[in-house]
Amino acid sequence: MTITVPTDREIFEGEIAAYWFDDGILVSLSKSILRTVENIAGNVALIKRITNNTRMPLLIYLANSPVPDKQTRKFSTEQLPVIYSAMAMVSEPGLAKFIMNILFALKPPPIPMKSFTDDNKAKEWLKQFRTEAHNEKGMNPS
């Protein structure tokens, strides 16, 4: 799966992913690096800044990356509901399910989550989680 970063809008580069807004949804293109508590914390700060501290639906294009340690997985799971209202994971068949199994083996995800191989279906599913304020503004909070 090859994803092209759009050239017609602002792109926010983070250590673990690049982000942009699309029709009231935050889109993330994952990078293939090991997640740590430190880079997840930095990413949470980036998301809060670019969304004006508003929880948003996230469409994430997953990349194969090393499995983080238990502490990082726990921290990441705790941060999800702080910054996102829902998450659609788009990947090759099997990858999203594998990641969900690793992160949520013992309890269900803290926000609505679904995996897709088709990003258009993912966007349609996420639209129900957009807020009214974002719909009115077209979603770019800057």
C-alpha atoms as a PDB file:
ATOM      1  CA  MET A   1       0.000   0.000   0.000  1.00  0.00           C
ATOM      2  CA  THR A   2       1.550   3.283  -1.133  1.00  0.00           C
ATOM      3  CA  ILE A   3       0.189   6.471   0.416  1.00  0.00           C
ATOM      4  CA  THR A   4       0.922   9.854  -1.091  1.00  0.00           C
ATOM      5  CA  VAL A   5       1.145  12.764   1.309  1.00  0.00           C
ATOM      6  CA  PRO A   6      -1.059  15.566  -0.022  1.00  0.00           C
ATOM      7  CA  THR A   7       0.597  18.726  -1.349  1.00  0.00           C
ATOM      8  CA  ASP A   8      -2.454  20.999  -1.090  1.00  0.00           C
ATOM      9  CA  ARG A   9      -2.523  21.392   2.716  1.00  0.00           C
ATOM     10  CA  GLU A  10      -0.287  21.766   5.735  1.00  0.00           C
ATOM     11  CA  ILE A  11       1.592  18.635   6.793  1.00  0.00           C
ATOM     12  CA  PHE A  12       2.661  18.246  10.422  1.00  0.00           C
ATOM     13  CA  GLU A  13       5.798  16.108  10.747  1.00  0.00           C
ATOM     14  CA  GLY A  14       6.271  14.173  13.969  1.00  0.00           C
ATOM     15  CA  GLU A  15       8.862  11.630  15.033  1.00  0.00           C
ATOM     16  CA  ILE A  16       6.501   8.659  14.641  1.00  0.00           C
ATOM     17  CA  ALA A  17       4.146   9.939  11.899  1.00  0.00           C
ATOM     18  CA  ALA A  18       3.164  12.736   9.522  1.00  0.00           C
ATOM     19  CA  TYR A  19      -0.304  14.288   9.956  1.00  0.00           C
ATOM     20  CA  TRP A  20      -2.791  16.320   7.931  1.00  0.00           C
ATOM     21  CA  PHE A  21      -6.497  17.140   7.999  1.00  0.00           C
ATOM     22  CA  ASP A  22      -9.019  15.727   5.534  1.00  0.00           C
ATOM     23  CA  ASP A  23     -12.733  16.529   5.764  1.00  0.00           C
ATOM     24  CA  GLY A  24     -12.926  16.771   9.555  1.00  0.00           C
ATOM     25  CA  ILE A  25     -10.610  13.816  10.131  1.00  0.00           C
ATOM     26  CA  LEU A  26      -6.979  13.785  11.256  1.00  0.00           C
ATOM     27  CA  VAL A  27      -4.941  11.556   8.939  1.00  0.00           C
ATOM     28  CA  SER A  28      -1.685   9.938  10.037  1.00  0.00           C
ATOM     29  CA  LEU A  29       0.999   8.277   7.960  1.00  0.00           C
ATOM     30  CA  SER A  30       2.942   6.078  10.382  1.00  0.00           C
ATOM     31  CA  LYS A  31       6.723   5.830  10.297  1.00  0.00           C
ATOM     32  CA  SER A  32       8.529   2.518  10.800  1.00  0.00           C
ATOM     33  CA  ILE A  33      10.323   3.313  14.039  1.00  0.00           C
ATOM     34  CA  LEU A  34      10.217   1.836  17.521  1.00  0.00           C
ATOM     35  CA  ARG A  35       7.649   3.563  19.717  1.00  0.00           C
ATOM     36  CA  THR A  36       8.864   4.598  23.179  1.00  0.00           C
ATOM     37  CA  VAL A  37       7.154   6.412  26.049  1.00  0.00           C
ATOM     38  CA  GLU A  38       9.238   9.475  25.112  1.00  0.00           C
ATOM     39  CA  ASN A  39       8.292   9.626  21.427  1.00  0.00           C
ATOM     40  CA  ILE A  40       4.648   8.769  22.163  1.00  0.00           C
ATOM     41  CA  ALA A  41       4.554  11.632  24.716  1.00  0.00           C
ATOM     42  CA  GLY A  42       6.049  13.976  22.118  1.00  0.00           C
ATOM     43  CA  ASN A  43       3.488  12.811  19.603  1.00  0.00           C
ATOM     44  CA  VAL A  44       0.605  13.420  22.028  1.00  0.00           C
ATOM     45  CA  ALA A  45       1.883  16.989  22.528  1.00  0.00           C
ATOM     46  CA  LEU A  46       2.047  17.464  18.732  1.00  0.00           C
ATOM     47  CA  ILE A  47      -1.525  16.189  18.268  1.00  0.00           C
ATOM     48  CA  LYS A  48      -2.836  18.437  21.037  1.00  0.00           C
ATOM     49  CA  ARG A  49      -1.119  21.424  19.411  1.00  0.00           C
ATOM     50  CA  ILE A  50      -2.383  20.829  15.866  1.00  0.00           C
ATOM     51  CA  THR A  51      -5.940  20.000  16.992  1.00  0.00           C
ATOM     52  CA  ASN A  52      -6.184  22.850  19.519  1.00  0.00           C
ATOM     53  CA  ASN A  53      -6.505  20.202  22.245  1.00  0.00           C
ATOM     54  CA  THR A  54      -9.696  18.807  20.693  1.00  0.00           C
ATOM     55  CA  ARG A  55     -10.306  15.054  20.471  1.00  0.00           C
ATOM     56  CA  MET A  56     -10.644  14.012  16.843  1.00  0.00           C
ATOM     57  CA  PRO A  57     -11.233  10.930  14.742  1.00  0.00           C
ATOM     58  CA  LEU A  58      -7.965   9.533  13.374  1.00  0.00           C
ATOM     59  CA  LEU A  59      -7.391   7.648  10.152  1.00  0.00           C
ATOM     60  CA  ILE A  60      -3.985   6.019  10.478  1.00  0.00           C
ATOM     61  CA  TYR A  61      -2.058   4.387   7.670  1.00  0.00           C
ATOM     62  CA  LEU A  62      -0.076   1.758   9.550  1.00  0.00           C
ATOM     63  CA  ALA A  63       3.537   0.918   8.851  1.00  0.00           C
ATOM     64  CA  ASN A  64       5.383  -2.167   9.980  1.00  0.00           C
ATOM     65  CA  SER A  65       7.410  -1.150  13.017  1.00  0.00           C
ATOM     66  CA  PRO A  66       9.031  -2.936  15.953  1.00  0.00           C
ATOM     67  CA  VAL A  67       6.740  -4.050  18.774  1.00  0.00           C
ATOM     68  CA  PRO A  68       7.079  -1.565  21.664  1.00  0.00           C
ATOM     69  CA  ASP A  69       7.718  -2.655  25.238  1.00  0.00           C
ATOM     70  CA  LYS A  70       4.890  -3.204  27.730  1.00  0.00           C
ATOM     71  CA  GLN A  71       5.286   0.212  29.391  1.00  0.00           C
ATOM     72  CA  THR A  72       5.050   1.986  26.007  1.00  0.00           C
ATOM     73  CA  ARG A  73       1.999  -0.041  24.968  1.00  0.00           C
ATOM     74  CA  LYS A  74       0.279   0.817  28.278  1.00  0.00           C
ATOM     75  CA  PHE A  75       1.128   4.526  27.968  1.00  0.00           C
ATOM     76  CA  SER A  76      -0.012   4.627  24.343  1.00  0.00           C
ATOM     77  CA  THR A  77      -3.341   2.982  25.207  1.00  0.00           C
ATOM     78  CA  GLU A  78      -3.901   5.471  28.057  1.00  0.00           C
ATOM     79  CA  GLN A  79      -3.278   8.424  25.726  1.00  0.00           C
ATOM     80  CA  LEU A  80      -5.668   7.333  22.945  1.00  0.00           C
ATOM     81  CA  PRO A  81      -8.883   8.695  24.533  1.00  0.00           C
ATOM     82  CA  VAL A  82      -7.096  11.929  25.477  1.00  0.00           C
ATOM     83  CA  ILE A  83      -6.445  12.921  21.848  1.00  0.00           C
ATOM     84  CA  TYR A  84      -8.733  10.808  19.642  1.00  0.00           C
ATOM     85  CA  SER A  85     -12.489  10.199  19.527  1.00  0.00           C
ATOM     86  CA  ALA A  86     -12.122   7.120  17.284  1.00  0.00           C
ATOM     87  CA  MET A  87      -9.456   5.400  15.204  1.00  0.00           C
ATOM     88  CA  ALA A  88      -9.597   3.692  11.827  1.00  0.00           C
ATOM     89  CA  MET A  89      -6.468   1.734  10.976  1.00  0.00           C
ATOM     90  CA  VAL A  90      -5.721   1.197   7.299  1.00  0.00           C
ATOM     91  CA  SER A  91      -3.180  -1.449   6.388  1.00  0.00           C
ATOM     92  CA  GLU A  92      -2.427  -4.531   4.397  1.00  0.00           C
ATOM     93  CA  PRO A  93      -4.658  -7.402   5.542  1.00  0.00           C
ATOM     94  CA  GLY A  94      -3.647  -8.698   8.972  1.00  0.00           C
ATOM     95  CA  LEU A  95      -1.383  -5.891  10.207  1.00  0.00           C
ATOM     96  CA  ALA A  96      -4.053  -3.847  12.030  1.00  0.00           C
ATOM     97  CA  LYS A  97      -5.504  -6.972  13.614  1.00  0.00           C
ATOM     98  CA  PHE A  98      -2.014  -7.967  14.788  1.00  0.00           C
ATOM     99  CA  ILE A  99      -1.451  -4.519  16.350  1.00  0.00           C
ATOM    100  CA  MET A 100      -4.873  -4.526  18.023  1.00  0.00           C
ATOM    101  CA  ASN A 101      -4.147  -7.986  19.435  1.00  0.00           C
ATOM    102  CA  ILE A 102      -0.861  -6.732  20.909  1.00  0.00           C
ATOM    103  CA  LEU A 103      -2.289  -3.514  22.371  1.00  0.00           C
ATOM    104  CA  PHE A 104      -5.665  -4.787  23.542  1.00  0.00           C
ATOM    105  CA  ALA A 105      -5.071  -8.424  24.398  1.00  0.00           C
ATOM    106  CA  LEU A 106      -6.450  -8.090  27.925  1.00  0.00           C
ATOM    107  CA  LYS A 107      -9.131  -5.422  27.590  1.00  0.00           C
ATOM    108  CA  PRO A 108     -11.063  -3.653  24.828  1.00  0.00           C
ATOM    109  CA  PRO A 109      -9.750  -0.448  23.227  1.00  0.00           C
ATOM    110  CA  PRO A 110     -10.601   2.769  25.104  1.00  0.00           C
ATOM    111  CA  ILE A 111     -12.098   4.384  21.971  1.00  0.00           C
ATOM    112  CA  PRO A 112     -14.014   3.005  18.968  1.00  0.00           C
ATOM    113  CA  MET A 113     -11.479   1.295  16.685  1.00  0.00           C
ATOM    114  CA  LYS A 114     -11.799  -0.559  13.448  1.00  0.00           C
ATOM    115  CA  SER A 115      -9.362  -1.903  10.891  1.00  0.00           C
ATOM    116  CA  PHE A 116      -9.709  -1.471   7.143  1.00  0.00           C
ATOM    117  CA  THR A 117      -7.884  -2.282   3.943  1.00  0.00           C
ATOM    118  CA  ASP A 118      -9.850   0.436   2.073  1.00  0.00           C
ATOM    119  CA  ASP A 119      -9.252   4.021   3.229  1.00  0.00           C
ATOM    120  CA  ASN A 120     -12.518   5.294   1.701  1.00  0.00           C
ATOM    121  CA  LYS A 121     -14.493   2.884   3.887  1.00  0.00           C
ATOM    122  CA  ALA A 122     -12.374   3.976   6.865  1.00  0.00           C
ATOM    123  CA  LYS A 123     -13.180   7.662   6.209  1.00  0.00           C
ATOM    124  CA  GLU A 124     -16.892   6.922   5.909  1.00  0.00           C
ATOM    125  CA  TRP A 125     -16.871   5.074   9.235  1.00  0.00           C
ATOM    126  CA  LEU A 126     -14.955   7.897  10.964  1.00  0.00           C
ATOM    127  CA  LYS A 127     -17.323  10.662   9.793  1.00  0.00           C
ATOM    128  CA  GLN A 128     -19.782   9.762  12.560  1.00  0.00           C
ATOM    129  CA  PHE A 129     -17.162  10.749  15.142  1.00  0.00           C
ATOM    130  CA  ARG A 130     -16.497  14.281  13.870  1.00  0.00           C
ATOM    131  CA  THR A 131     -17.676  17.096  16.110  1.00  0.00           C
ATOM    132  CA  GLU A 132     -20.111  19.767  14.980  1.00  0.00           C
ATOM    133  CA  ALA A 133     -17.564  22.539  15.499  1.00  0.00           C
ATOM    134  CA  HIS A 134     -15.109  20.740  13.233  1.00  0.00           C
ATOM    135  CA  ASN A 135     -17.744  20.122  10.578  1.00  0.00           C
ATOM    136  CA  GLU A 136     -18.535  23.836  10.504  1.00  0.00           C
ATOM    137  CA  LYS A 137     -14.900  24.935  10.315  1.00  0.00           C
ATOM    138  CA  GLY A 138     -13.948  22.431   7.654  1.00  0.00           C
ATOM    139  CA  MET A 139     -11.674  20.955  10.306  1.00  0.00           C
ATOM    140  CA  ASN A 140      -8.373  22.656  10.028  1.00  0.00           C
ATOM    141  CA  PRO A 141      -8.191  24.194  13.489  1.00  0.00           C
ATOM    142  CA  SER A 142      -5.421  26.652  12.641  1.00  0.00           C
END
